[in-house]
Amino acid sequence: MAEWVAVARVEDFPPGTVRTLEIEGTPIAVFNVDGRYHAIEDLCSHEAETLSDGELAGDEIICPRHGARFSILSGQALSPPAYEPVATFPVQVERGMVLVKDDRWN
């Protein structure tokens, strides 16, 4: 069973920022978009570039290598050269902490 992993305290994670972590070998980027938290796998599906190094544009992240856009809400690839989505992960806030888990194998 997947466990919730602490990302950051809410007060240390302002809107428009990203935090990264690794859960069992999977890099994960957690974004704060206007006080709502979303998590995706932190690797572009086109060439395994770190997405969290890209530009956050609303609820999209732009890959820094080739400019592919991904929805941080659904993980969908929104523009070439990426065509495959990236994984998304559940996020919750509990007792002032932002938590994420990789529940893909449950």
PDB file of N, CA and C in Angstrom:
ATOM      1  N   MET A   1       0.840  -1.182   0.000  1.00  0.00           N
ATOM      2  CA  MET A   1       0.000   0.000   0.000  1.00  0.00           C
ATOM      3  C   MET A   1       0.886   1.246   0.000  1.00  0.00           C
ATOM      4  N   ALA A   2       0.578   2.187  -0.857  1.00  0.00           N
ATOM      5  CA  ALA A   2       1.357   3.423  -0.975  1.00  0.00           C
ATOM      6  C   ALA A   2       1.144   4.292   0.254  1.00  0.00           C
ATOM      7  N   GLU A   3       2.208   4.946   0.675  1.00  0.00           N
ATOM      8  CA  GLU A   3       2.170   5.838   1.821  1.00  0.00           C
ATOM      9  C   GLU A   3       2.196   7.292   1.349  1.00  0.00           C
ATOM     10  N   TRP A   4       1.565   8.161   2.110  1.00  0.00           N
ATOM     11  CA  TRP A   4       1.647   9.594   1.858  1.00  0.00           C
ATOM     12  C   TRP A   4       3.020  10.091   2.276  1.00  0.00           C
ATOM     13  N   VAL A   5       3.621  10.952   1.457  1.00  0.00           N
ATOM     14  CA  VAL A   5       4.946  11.493   1.717  1.00  0.00           C
ATOM     15  C   VAL A   5       4.833  13.012   1.819  1.00  0.00           C
ATOM     16  N   ALA A   6       5.446  13.595   2.844  1.00  0.00           N
ATOM     17  CA  ALA A   6       5.401  15.046   3.043  1.00  0.00           C
ATOM     18  C   ALA A   6       6.230  15.749   1.979  1.00  0.00           C
ATOM     19  N   VAL A   7       5.654  16.816   1.413  1.00  0.00           N
ATOM     20  CA  VAL A   7       6.317  17.628   0.393  1.00  0.00           C
ATOM     21  C   VAL A   7       6.847  18.914   1.029  1.00  0.00           C
ATOM     22  N   ALA A   8       5.965  19.633   1.707  1.00  0.00           N
ATOM     23  CA  ALA A   8       6.332  20.909   2.326  1.00  0.00           C
ATOM     24  C   ALA A   8       5.186  21.366   3.210  1.00  0.00           C
ATOM     25  N   ARG A   9       5.501  22.291   4.110  1.00  0.00           N
ATOM     26  CA  ARG A   9       4.439  22.930   4.878  1.00  0.00           C
ATOM     27  C   ARG A   9       3.728  23.921   3.952  1.00  0.00           C
ATOM     28  N   VAL A  10       2.437  24.067   4.129  1.00  0.00           N
ATOM     29  CA  VAL A  10       1.642  24.969   3.290  1.00  0.00           C
ATOM     30  C   VAL A  10       2.238  26.375   3.282  1.00  0.00           C
ATOM     31  N   GLU A  11       2.640  26.892   4.435  1.00  0.00           N
ATOM     32  CA  GLU A  11       3.156  28.266   4.492  1.00  0.00           C
ATOM     33  C   GLU A  11       4.509  28.412   3.799  1.00  0.00           C
ATOM     34  N   ASP A  12       5.199  27.320   3.549  1.00  0.00           N
ATOM     35  CA  ASP A  12       6.490  27.360   2.852  1.00  0.00           C
ATOM     36  C   ASP A  12       6.375  27.043   1.362  1.00  0.00           C
ATOM     37  N   PHE A  13       5.133  26.945   0.867  1.00  0.00           N
ATOM     38  CA  PHE A  13       4.892  26.490  -0.506  1.00  0.00           C
ATOM     39  C   PHE A  13       3.901  27.448  -1.177  1.00  0.00           C
ATOM     40  N   PRO A  14       4.364  28.666  -1.539  1.00  0.00           N
ATOM     41  CA  PRO A  14       3.458  29.693  -2.060  1.00  0.00           C
ATOM     42  C   PRO A  14       2.948  29.391  -3.474  1.00  0.00           C
ATOM     43  N   PRO A  15       1.831  29.998  -3.854  1.00  0.00           N
ATOM     44  CA  PRO A  15       1.305  29.833  -5.210  1.00  0.00           C
ATOM     45  C   PRO A  15       2.352  30.180  -6.271  1.00  0.00           C
ATOM     46  N   GLY A  16       2.330  29.410  -7.362  1.00  0.00           N
ATOM     47  CA  GLY A  16       3.252  29.634  -8.468  1.00  0.00           C
ATOM     48  C   GLY A  16       4.589  28.943  -8.307  1.00  0.00           C
ATOM     49  N   THR A  17       4.731  28.131  -7.249  1.00  0.00           N
ATOM     50  CA  THR A  17       5.998  27.450  -7.034  1.00  0.00           C
ATOM     51  C   THR A  17       5.850  25.942  -7.210  1.00  0.00           C
ATOM     52  N   VAL A  18       7.000  25.276  -7.282  1.00  0.00           N
ATOM     53  CA  VAL A  18       7.055  23.825  -7.446  1.00  0.00           C
ATOM     54  C   VAL A  18       8.022  23.250  -6.424  1.00  0.00           C
ATOM     55  N   ARG A  19       7.724  22.074  -5.940  1.00  0.00           N
ATOM     56  CA  ARG A  19       8.619  21.316  -5.068  1.00  0.00           C
ATOM     57  C   ARG A  19       8.831  19.952  -5.725  1.00  0.00           C
ATOM     58  N   THR A  20      10.018  19.408  -5.570  1.00  0.00           N
ATOM     59  CA  THR A  20      10.311  18.100  -6.157  1.00  0.00           C
ATOM     60  C   THR A  20      10.721  17.110  -5.081  1.00  0.00           C
ATOM     61  N   LEU A  21      10.453  15.854  -5.346  1.00  0.00           N
ATOM     62  CA  LEU A  21      10.844  14.773  -4.464  1.00  0.00           C
ATOM     63  C   LEU A  21      10.887  13.490  -5.265  1.00  0.00           C
ATOM     64  N   GLU A  22      11.368  12.453  -4.647  1.00  0.00           N
ATOM     65  CA  GLU A  22      11.413  11.148  -5.297  1.00  0.00           C
ATOM     66  C   GLU A  22      10.730  10.150  -4.384  1.00  0.00           C
ATOM     67  N   ILE A  23       9.843   9.346  -4.963  1.00  0.00           N
ATOM     68  CA  ILE A  23       9.175   8.291  -4.215  1.00  0.00           C
ATOM     69  C   ILE A  23       9.499   6.971  -4.905  1.00  0.00           C
ATOM     70  N   GLU A  24      10.222   6.114  -4.214  1.00  0.00           N
ATOM     71  CA  GLU A  24      10.600   4.800  -4.731  1.00  0.00           C
ATOM     72  C   GLU A  24      11.171   4.885  -6.143  1.00  0.00           C
ATOM     73  N   GLY A  25      12.069   5.836  -6.352  1.00  0.00           N
ATOM     74  CA  GLY A  25      12.747   5.968  -7.636  1.00  0.00           C
ATOM     75  C   GLY A  25      12.020   6.791  -8.680  1.00  0.00           C
ATOM     76  N   THR A  26      10.820   7.253  -8.381  1.00  0.00           N
ATOM     77  CA  THR A  26      10.052   8.056  -9.327  1.00  0.00           C
ATOM     78  C   THR A  26      10.182   9.537  -8.971  1.00  0.00           C
ATOM     79  N   PRO A  27      10.724  10.368  -9.885  1.00  0.00           N
ATOM     80  CA  PRO A  27      10.788  11.806  -9.616  1.00  0.00           C
ATOM     81  C   PRO A  27       9.399  12.428  -9.772  1.00  0.00           C
ATOM     82  N   ILE A  28       9.021  13.249  -8.799  1.00  0.00           N
ATOM     83  CA  ILE A  28       7.691  13.857  -8.790  1.00  0.00           C
ATOM     84  C   ILE A  28       7.829  15.354  -8.577  1.00  0.00           C
ATOM     85  N   ALA A  29       7.071  16.125  -9.359  1.00  0.00           N
ATOM     86  CA  ALA A  29       6.991  17.579  -9.207  1.00  0.00           C
ATOM     87  C   ALA A  29       5.602  17.910  -8.678  1.00  0.00           C
ATOM     88  N   VAL A  30       5.559  18.682  -7.595  1.00  0.00           N
ATOM     89  CA  VAL A  30       4.292  19.112  -7.000  1.00  0.00           C
ATOM     90  C   VAL A  30       4.197  20.623  -7.182  1.00  0.00           C
ATOM     91  N   PHE A  31       3.095  21.072  -7.784  1.00  0.00           N
ATOM     92  CA  PHE A  31       2.892  22.476  -8.126  1.00  0.00           C
ATOM     93  C   PHE A  31       1.798  23.076  -7.262  1.00  0.00           C
ATOM     94  N   ASN A  32       1.975  24.331  -6.871  1.00  0.00           N
ATOM     95  CA  ASN A  32       0.936  25.091  -6.198  1.00  0.00           C
ATOM     96  C   ASN A  32       0.404  26.096  -7.218  1.00  0.00           C
ATOM     97  N   VAL A  33      -0.814  25.865  -7.661  1.00  0.00           N
ATOM     98  CA  VAL A  33      -1.471  26.761  -8.622  1.00  0.00           C
ATOM     99  C   VAL A  33      -2.645  27.407  -7.905  1.00  0.00           C
ATOM    100  N   ASP A  34      -2.455  28.660  -7.518  1.00  0.00           N
ATOM    101  CA  ASP A  34      -3.501  29.423  -6.836  1.00  0.00           C
ATOM    102  C   ASP A  34      -4.046  28.701  -5.606  1.00  0.00           C
ATOM    103  N   GLY A  35      -3.150  28.076  -4.843  1.00  0.00           N
ATOM    104  CA  GLY A  35      -3.555  27.402  -3.621  1.00  0.00           C
ATOM    105  C   GLY A  35      -4.056  25.985  -3.805  1.00  0.00           C
ATOM    106  N   ARG A  36      -4.048  25.489  -5.025  1.00  0.00           N
ATOM    107  CA  ARG A  36      -4.419  24.091  -5.309  1.00  0.00           C
ATOM    108  C   ARG A  36      -3.140  23.354  -5.694  1.00  0.00           C
ATOM    109  N   TYR A  37      -2.985  22.150  -5.176  1.00  0.00           N
ATOM    110  CA  TYR A  37      -1.761  21.388  -5.383  1.00  0.00           C
ATOM    111  C   TYR A  37      -1.994  20.254  -6.379  1.00  0.00           C
ATOM    112  N   HIS A  38      -1.029  20.090  -7.283  1.00  0.00           N
ATOM    113  CA  HIS A  38      -1.098  19.060  -8.323  1.00  0.00           C
ATOM    114  C   HIS A  38       0.275  18.428  -8.459  1.00  0.00           C
ATOM    115  N   ALA A  39       0.302  17.122  -8.715  1.00  0.00           N
ATOM    116  CA  ALA A  39       1.585  16.423  -8.826  1.00  0.00           C
ATOM    117  C   ALA A  39       1.629  15.598 -10.106  1.00  0.00           C
ATOM    118  N   ILE A  40       2.774  15.672 -10.787  1.00  0.00           N
ATOM    119  CA  ILE A  40       3.015  14.886 -11.999  1.00  0.00           C
ATOM    120  C   ILE A  40       4.412  14.273 -11.919  1.00  0.00           C
ATOM    121  N   GLU A  41       4.624  13.251 -12.755  1.00  0.00           N
ATOM    122  CA  GLU A  41       5.967  12.696 -12.864  1.00  0.00           C
ATOM    123  C   GLU A  41       6.874  13.774 -13.448  1.00  0.00           C
ATOM    124  N   ASP A  42       8.041  13.917 -12.878  1.00  0.00           N
ATOM    125  CA  ASP A  42       8.933  15.025 -13.230  1.00  0.00           C
ATOM    126  C   ASP A  42       9.882  14.656 -14.374  1.00  0.00           C
ATOM    127  N   LEU A  43       9.344  13.999 -15.400  1.00  0.00           N
ATOM    128  CA  LEU A  43      10.131  13.652 -16.585  1.00  0.00           C
ATOM    129  C   LEU A  43       9.277  13.816 -17.832  1.00  0.00           C
ATOM    130  N   CYS A  44       9.756  14.613 -18.770  1.00  0.00           N
ATOM    131  CA  CYS A  44       9.065  14.779 -20.040  1.00  0.00           C
ATOM    132  C   CYS A  44       8.967  13.429 -20.743  1.00  0.00           C
ATOM    133  N   SER A  45       7.821  13.123 -21.288  1.00  0.00           N
ATOM    134  CA  SER A  45       7.632  11.845 -21.986  1.00  0.00           C
ATOM    135  C   SER A  45       8.308  11.823 -23.350  1.00  0.00           C
ATOM    136  N   HIS A  46       8.793  12.963 -23.808  1.00  0.00           N
ATOM    137  CA  HIS A  46       9.474  13.030 -25.098  1.00  0.00           C
ATOM    138  C   HIS A  46      10.941  12.622 -24.979  1.00  0.00           C
ATOM    139  N   GLU A  47      11.685  13.224 -24.028  1.00  0.00           N
ATOM    140  CA  GLU A  47      13.108  12.915 -23.891  1.00  0.00           C
ATOM    141  C   GLU A  47      13.591  12.921 -22.450  1.00  0.00           C
ATOM    142  N   ALA A  48      12.729  12.597 -21.516  1.00  0.00           N
ATOM    143  CA  ALA A  48      13.104  12.446 -20.111  1.00  0.00           C
ATOM    144  C   ALA A  48      13.799  13.673 -19.517  1.00  0.00           C
ATOM    145  N   GLU A  49      13.424  14.850 -19.959  1.00  0.00           N
ATOM    146  CA  GLU A  49      13.928  16.098 -19.370  1.00  0.00           C
ATOM    147  C   GLU A  49      13.162  16.376 -18.070  1.00  0.00           C
ATOM    148  N   THR A  50      13.793  17.027 -17.121  1.00  0.00           N
ATOM    149  CA  THR A  50      13.157  17.390 -15.861  1.00  0.00           C
ATOM    150  C   THR A  50      12.158  18.525 -16.100  1.00  0.00           C
ATOM    151  N   LEU A  51      10.869  18.234 -15.944  1.00  0.00           N
ATOM    152  CA  LEU A  51       9.827  19.231 -16.214  1.00  0.00           C
ATOM    153  C   LEU A  51       9.819  20.366 -15.202  1.00  0.00           C
ATOM    154  N   SER A  52      10.160  20.070 -13.963  1.00  0.00           N
ATOM    155  CA  SER A  52      10.106  21.115 -12.935  1.00  0.00           C
ATOM    156  C   SER A  52      11.084  22.251 -13.202  1.00  0.00           C
ATOM    157  N   ASP A  53      12.045  22.051 -14.098  1.00  0.00           N
ATOM    158  CA  ASP A  53      12.960  23.121 -14.498  1.00  0.00           C
ATOM    159  C   ASP A  53      12.346  24.031 -15.564  1.00  0.00           C
ATOM    160  N   GLY A  54      11.157  23.657 -16.056  1.00  0.00           N
ATOM    161  CA  GLY A  54      10.494  24.434 -17.096  1.00  0.00           C
ATOM    162  C   GLY A  54       9.690  25.592 -16.534  1.00  0.00           C
ATOM    163  N   GLU A  55       9.042  26.309 -17.440  1.00  0.00           N
ATOM    164  CA  GLU A  55       8.217  27.462 -17.073  1.00  0.00           C
ATOM    165  C   GLU A  55       6.794  27.019 -16.761  1.00  0.00           C
ATOM    166  N   LEU A  56       6.268  27.471 -15.627  1.00  0.00           N
ATOM    167  CA  LEU A  56       4.884  27.221 -15.249  1.00  0.00           C
ATOM    168  C   LEU A  56       4.026  28.320 -15.868  1.00  0.00           C
ATOM    169  N   ALA A  57       3.044  27.925 -16.673  1.00  0.00           N
ATOM    170  CA  ALA A  57       2.149  28.872 -17.343  1.00  0.00           C
ATOM    171  C   ALA A  57       0.712  28.479 -17.005  1.00  0.00           C
ATOM    172  N   GLY A  58       0.171  29.076 -15.954  1.00  0.00           N
ATOM    173  CA  GLY A  58      -1.178  28.704 -15.508  1.00  0.00           C
ATOM    174  C   GLY A  58      -1.154  27.290 -14.974  1.00  0.00           C
ATOM    175  N   ASP A  59      -1.940  26.403 -15.595  1.00  0.00           N
ATOM    176  CA  ASP A  59      -1.946  25.001 -15.170  1.00  0.00           C
ATOM    177  C   ASP A  59      -1.194  24.109 -16.163  1.00  0.00           C
ATOM    178  N   GLU A  60      -0.210  24.705 -16.852  1.00  0.00           N
ATOM    179  CA  GLU A  60       0.640  23.953 -17.775  1.00  0.00           C
ATOM    180  C   GLU A  60       2.103  24.152 -17.398  1.00  0.00           C
ATOM    181  N   ILE A  61       2.900  23.117 -17.650  1.00  0.00           N
ATOM    182  CA  ILE A  61       4.338  23.222 -17.494  1.00  0.00           C
ATOM    183  C   ILE A  61       4.958  23.046 -18.875  1.00  0.00           C
ATOM    184  N   ILE A  62       5.932  23.892 -19.189  1.00  0.00           N
ATOM    185  CA  ILE A  62       6.590  23.867 -20.501  1.00  0.00           C
ATOM    186  C   ILE A  62       7.964  23.228 -20.328  1.00  0.00           C
ATOM    187  N   CYS A  63       8.195  22.148 -21.055  1.00  0.00           N
ATOM    188  CA  CYS A  63       9.466  21.444 -20.968  1.00  0.00           C
ATOM    189  C   CYS A  63      10.599  22.376 -21.396  1.00  0.00           C
ATOM    190  N   PRO A  64      11.664  22.453 -20.599  1.00  0.00           N
ATOM    191  CA  PRO A  64      12.746  23.381 -20.923  1.00  0.00           C
ATOM    192  C   PRO A  64      13.594  22.961 -22.127  1.00  0.00           C
ATOM    193  N   ARG A  65      13.519  21.705 -22.531  1.00  0.00           N
ATOM    194  CA  ARG A  65      14.366  21.264 -23.638  1.00  0.00           C
ATOM    195  C   ARG A  65      13.769  21.585 -25.009  1.00  0.00           C
ATOM    196  N   HIS A  66      12.546  21.141 -25.264  1.00  0.00           N
ATOM    197  CA  HIS A  66      11.956  21.325 -26.594  1.00  0.00           C
ATOM    198  C   HIS A  66      10.620  22.055 -26.598  1.00  0.00           C
ATOM    199  N   GLY A  67      10.170  22.534 -25.455  1.00  0.00           N
ATOM    200  CA  GLY A  67       8.968  23.349 -25.413  1.00  0.00           C
ATOM    201  C   GLY A  67       7.649  22.604 -25.388  1.00  0.00           C
ATOM    202  N   ALA A  68       7.672  21.285 -25.217  1.00  0.00           N
ATOM    203  CA  ALA A  68       6.402  20.550 -25.108  1.00  0.00           C
ATOM    204  C   ALA A  68       5.659  21.039 -23.868  1.00  0.00           C
ATOM    205  N   ARG A  69       4.339  21.097 -23.976  1.00  0.00           N
ATOM    206  CA  ARG A  69       3.504  21.548 -22.866  1.00  0.00           C
ATOM    207  C   ARG A  69       2.728  20.360 -22.299  1.00  0.00           C
ATOM    208  N   PHE A  70       2.603  20.358 -20.970  1.00  0.00           N
ATOM    209  CA  PHE A  70       1.851  19.316 -20.278  1.00  0.00           C
ATOM    210  C   PHE A  70       0.869  19.957 -19.316  1.00  0.00           C
ATOM    211  N   SER A  71      -0.310  19.365 -19.199  1.00  0.00           N
ATOM    212  CA  SER A  71      -1.275  19.792 -18.186  1.00  0.00           C
ATOM    213  C   SER A  71      -0.813  19.243 -16.845  1.00  0.00           C
ATOM    214  N   ILE A  72      -0.683  20.107 -15.852  1.00  0.00           N
ATOM    215  CA  ILE A  72      -0.334  19.601 -14.527  1.00  0.00           C
ATOM    216  C   ILE A  72      -1.578  19.077 -13.804  1.00  0.00           C
ATOM    217  N   LEU A  73      -2.752  19.282 -14.399  1.00  0.00           N
ATOM    218  CA  LEU A  73      -3.992  18.752 -13.835  1.00  0.00           C
ATOM    219  C   LEU A  73      -4.198  17.295 -14.229  1.00  0.00           C
ATOM    220  N   SER A  74      -3.931  16.977 -15.499  1.00  0.00           N
ATOM    221  CA  SER A  74      -4.215  15.630 -16.021  1.00  0.00           C
ATOM    222  C   SER A  74      -2.985  14.869 -16.471  1.00  0.00           C
ATOM    223  N   GLY A  75      -1.853  15.544 -16.651  1.00  0.00           N
ATOM    224  CA  GLY A  75      -0.657  14.906 -17.179  1.00  0.00           C
ATOM    225  C   GLY A  75      -0.629  14.805 -18.688  1.00  0.00           C
ATOM    226  N   GLN A  76      -1.691  15.226 -19.357  1.00  0.00           N
ATOM    227  CA  GLN A  76      -1.774  15.117 -20.816  1.00  0.00           C
ATOM    228  C   GLN A  76      -0.707  15.953 -21.509  1.00  0.00           C
ATOM    229  N   ALA A  77      -0.128  15.385 -22.569  1.00  0.00           N
ATOM    230  CA  ALA A  77       0.770  16.144 -23.438  1.00  0.00           C
ATOM    231  C   ALA A  77      -0.114  17.055 -24.283  1.00  0.00           C
ATOM    232  N   LEU A  78       0.180  18.346 -24.295  1.00  0.00           N
ATOM    233  CA  LEU A  78      -0.668  19.322 -24.980  1.00  0.00           C
ATOM    234  C   LEU A  78      -0.074  19.838 -26.281  1.00  0.00           C
ATOM    235  N   SER A  79       1.229  19.570 -26.508  1.00  0.00           N
ATOM    236  CA  SER A  79       1.847  20.044 -27.741  1.00  0.00           C
ATOM    237  C   SER A  79       3.056  19.171 -28.081  1.00  0.00           C
ATOM    238  N   PRO A  80       3.351  19.098 -29.392  1.00  0.00           N
ATOM    239  CA  PRO A  80       4.544  18.365 -29.815  1.00  0.00           C
ATOM    240  C   PRO A  80       5.783  19.077 -29.291  1.00  0.00           C
ATOM    241  N   PRO A  81       6.880  18.399 -29.158  1.00  0.00           N
ATOM    242  CA  PRO A  81       7.124  17.054 -29.666  1.00  0.00           C
ATOM    243  C   PRO A  81       6.671  15.932 -28.734  1.00  0.00           C
ATOM    244  N   ALA A  82       6.048  16.229 -27.614  1.00  0.00           N
ATOM    245  CA  ALA A  82       5.537  15.178 -26.726  1.00  0.00           C
ATOM    246  C   ALA A  82       4.129  14.775 -27.154  1.00  0.00           C
ATOM    247  N   TYR A  83       3.895  13.481 -27.166  1.00  0.00           N
ATOM    248  CA  TYR A  83       2.568  12.959 -27.510  1.00  0.00           C
ATOM    249  C   TYR A  83       2.007  12.061 -26.413  1.00  0.00           C
ATOM    250  N   GLU A  84       2.875  11.560 -25.537  1.00  0.00           N
ATOM    251  CA  GLU A  84       2.457  10.675 -24.454  1.00  0.00           C
ATOM    252  C   GLU A  84       2.298  11.477 -23.167  1.00  0.00           C
ATOM    253  N   PRO A  85       1.298  11.146 -22.359  1.00  0.00           N
ATOM    254  CA  PRO A  85       1.110  11.860 -21.087  1.00  0.00           C
ATOM    255  C   PRO A  85       2.174  11.464 -20.068  1.00  0.00           C
ATOM    256  N   VAL A  86       2.235  12.224 -18.990  1.00  0.00           N
ATOM    257  CA  VAL A  86       3.040  11.862 -17.825  1.00  0.00           C
ATOM    258  C   VAL A  86       2.079  11.466 -16.705  1.00  0.00           C
ATOM    259  N   ALA A  87       2.560  10.655 -15.786  1.00  0.00           N
ATOM    260  CA  ALA A  87       1.727  10.186 -14.678  1.00  0.00           C
ATOM    261  C   ALA A  87       1.356  11.348 -13.752  1.00  0.00           C
ATOM    262  N   THR A  88       0.177  11.243 -13.158  1.00  0.00           N
ATOM    263  CA  THR A  88      -0.256  12.193 -12.131  1.00  0.00           C
ATOM    264  C   THR A  88      -0.381  11.441 -10.807  1.00  0.00           C
ATOM    265  N   PHE A  89      -0.350  12.197  -9.714  1.00  0.00           N
ATOM    266  CA  PHE A  89      -0.373  11.594  -8.385  1.00  0.00           C
ATOM    267  C   PHE A  89      -1.322  12.367  -7.484  1.00  0.00           C
ATOM    268  N   PRO A  90      -1.988  11.658  -6.541  1.00  0.00           N
ATOM    269  CA  PRO A  90      -2.878  12.360  -5.613  1.00  0.00           C
ATOM    270  C   PRO A  90      -2.089  13.215  -4.635  1.00  0.00           C
ATOM    271  N   VAL A  91      -2.684  14.366  -4.305  1.00  0.00           N
ATOM    272  CA  VAL A  91      -2.101  15.300  -3.350  1.00  0.00           C
ATOM    273  C   VAL A  91      -3.186  15.655  -2.341  1.00  0.00           C
ATOM    274  N   GLN A  92      -2.786  15.789  -1.091  1.00  0.00           N
ATOM    275  CA  GLN A  92      -3.724  16.244  -0.065  1.00  0.00           C
ATOM    276  C   GLN A  92      -2.991  17.139   0.918  1.00  0.00           C
ATOM    277  N   VAL A  93      -3.776  17.923   1.650  1.00  0.00           N
ATOM    278  CA  VAL A  93      -3.230  18.768   2.710  1.00  0.00           C
ATOM    279  C   VAL A  93      -3.801  18.253   4.019  1.00  0.00           C
ATOM    280  N   GLU A  94      -2.891  17.974   4.951  1.00  0.00           N
ATOM    281  CA  GLU A  94      -3.301  17.470   6.258  1.00  0.00           C
ATOM    282  C   GLU A  94      -2.447  18.120   7.335  1.00  0.00           C
ATOM    283  N   ARG A  95      -3.103  18.725   8.310  1.00  0.00           N
ATOM    284  CA  ARG A  95      -2.415  19.400   9.422  1.00  0.00           C
ATOM    285  C   ARG A  95      -1.332  20.358   8.935  1.00  0.00           C
ATOM    286  N   GLY A  96      -1.648  21.121   7.880  1.00  0.00           N
ATOM    287  CA  GLY A  96      -0.736  22.136   7.380  1.00  0.00           C
ATOM    288  C   GLY A  96       0.403  21.625   6.518  1.00  0.00           C
ATOM    289  N   MET A  97       0.385  20.336   6.187  1.00  0.00           N
ATOM    290  CA  MET A  97       1.418  19.744   5.346  1.00  0.00           C
ATOM    291  C   MET A  97       0.822  19.317   4.005  1.00  0.00           C
ATOM    292  N   VAL A  98       1.567  19.583   2.927  1.00  0.00           N
ATOM    293  CA  VAL A  98       1.194  19.092   1.600  1.00  0.00           C
ATOM    294  C   VAL A  98       1.799  17.698   1.470  1.00  0.00           C
ATOM    295  N   LEU A  99       0.958  16.726   1.114  1.00  0.00           N
ATOM    296  CA  LEU A  99       1.369  15.329   1.010  1.00  0.00           C
ATOM    297  C   LEU A  99       1.065  14.791  -0.382  1.00  0.00           C
ATOM    298  N   VAL A 100       1.891  13.854  -0.838  1.00  0.00           N
ATOM    299  CA  VAL A 100       1.682  13.222  -2.140  1.00  0.00           C
ATOM    300  C   VAL A 100       1.980  11.730  -1.995  1.00  0.00           C
ATOM    301  N   LYS A 101       1.390  10.912  -2.880  1.00  0.00           N
ATOM    302  CA  LYS A 101       1.734   9.494  -2.892  1.00  0.00           C
ATOM    303  C   LYS A 101       1.655   8.953  -4.308  1.00  0.00           C
ATOM    304  N   ASP A 102       2.437   7.923  -4.525  1.00  0.00           N
ATOM    305  CA  ASP A 102       2.433   7.208  -5.807  1.00  0.00           C
ATOM    306  C   ASP A 102       1.560   5.980  -5.600  1.00  0.00           C
ATOM    307  N   ASP A 103       0.320   6.073  -6.079  1.00  0.00           N
ATOM    308  CA  ASP A 103      -0.645   4.986  -5.863  1.00  0.00           C
ATOM    309  C   ASP A 103      -0.871   4.158  -7.128  1.00  0.00           C
ATOM    310  N   ARG A 104       0.025   4.255  -8.089  1.00  0.00           N
ATOM    311  CA  ARG A 104      -0.177   3.563  -9.370  1.00  0.00           C
ATOM    312  C   ARG A 104      -0.178   2.057  -9.233  1.00  0.00           C
ATOM    313  N   TRP A 105       0.437   1.506  -8.223  1.00  0.00           N
ATOM    314  CA  TRP A 105       0.566   0.052  -8.135  1.00  0.00           C
ATOM    315  C   TRP A 105      -0.373  -0.547  -7.114  1.00  0.00           C
ATOM    316  N   ASN A 106      -1.307   0.214  -6.579  1.00  0.00           N
ATOM    317  CA  ASN A 106      -2.272  -0.311  -5.592  1.00  0.00           C
ATOM    318  C   ASN A 106      -3.395  -1.043  -6.274  1.00  0.00           C
TER     319      ASN A 106
END
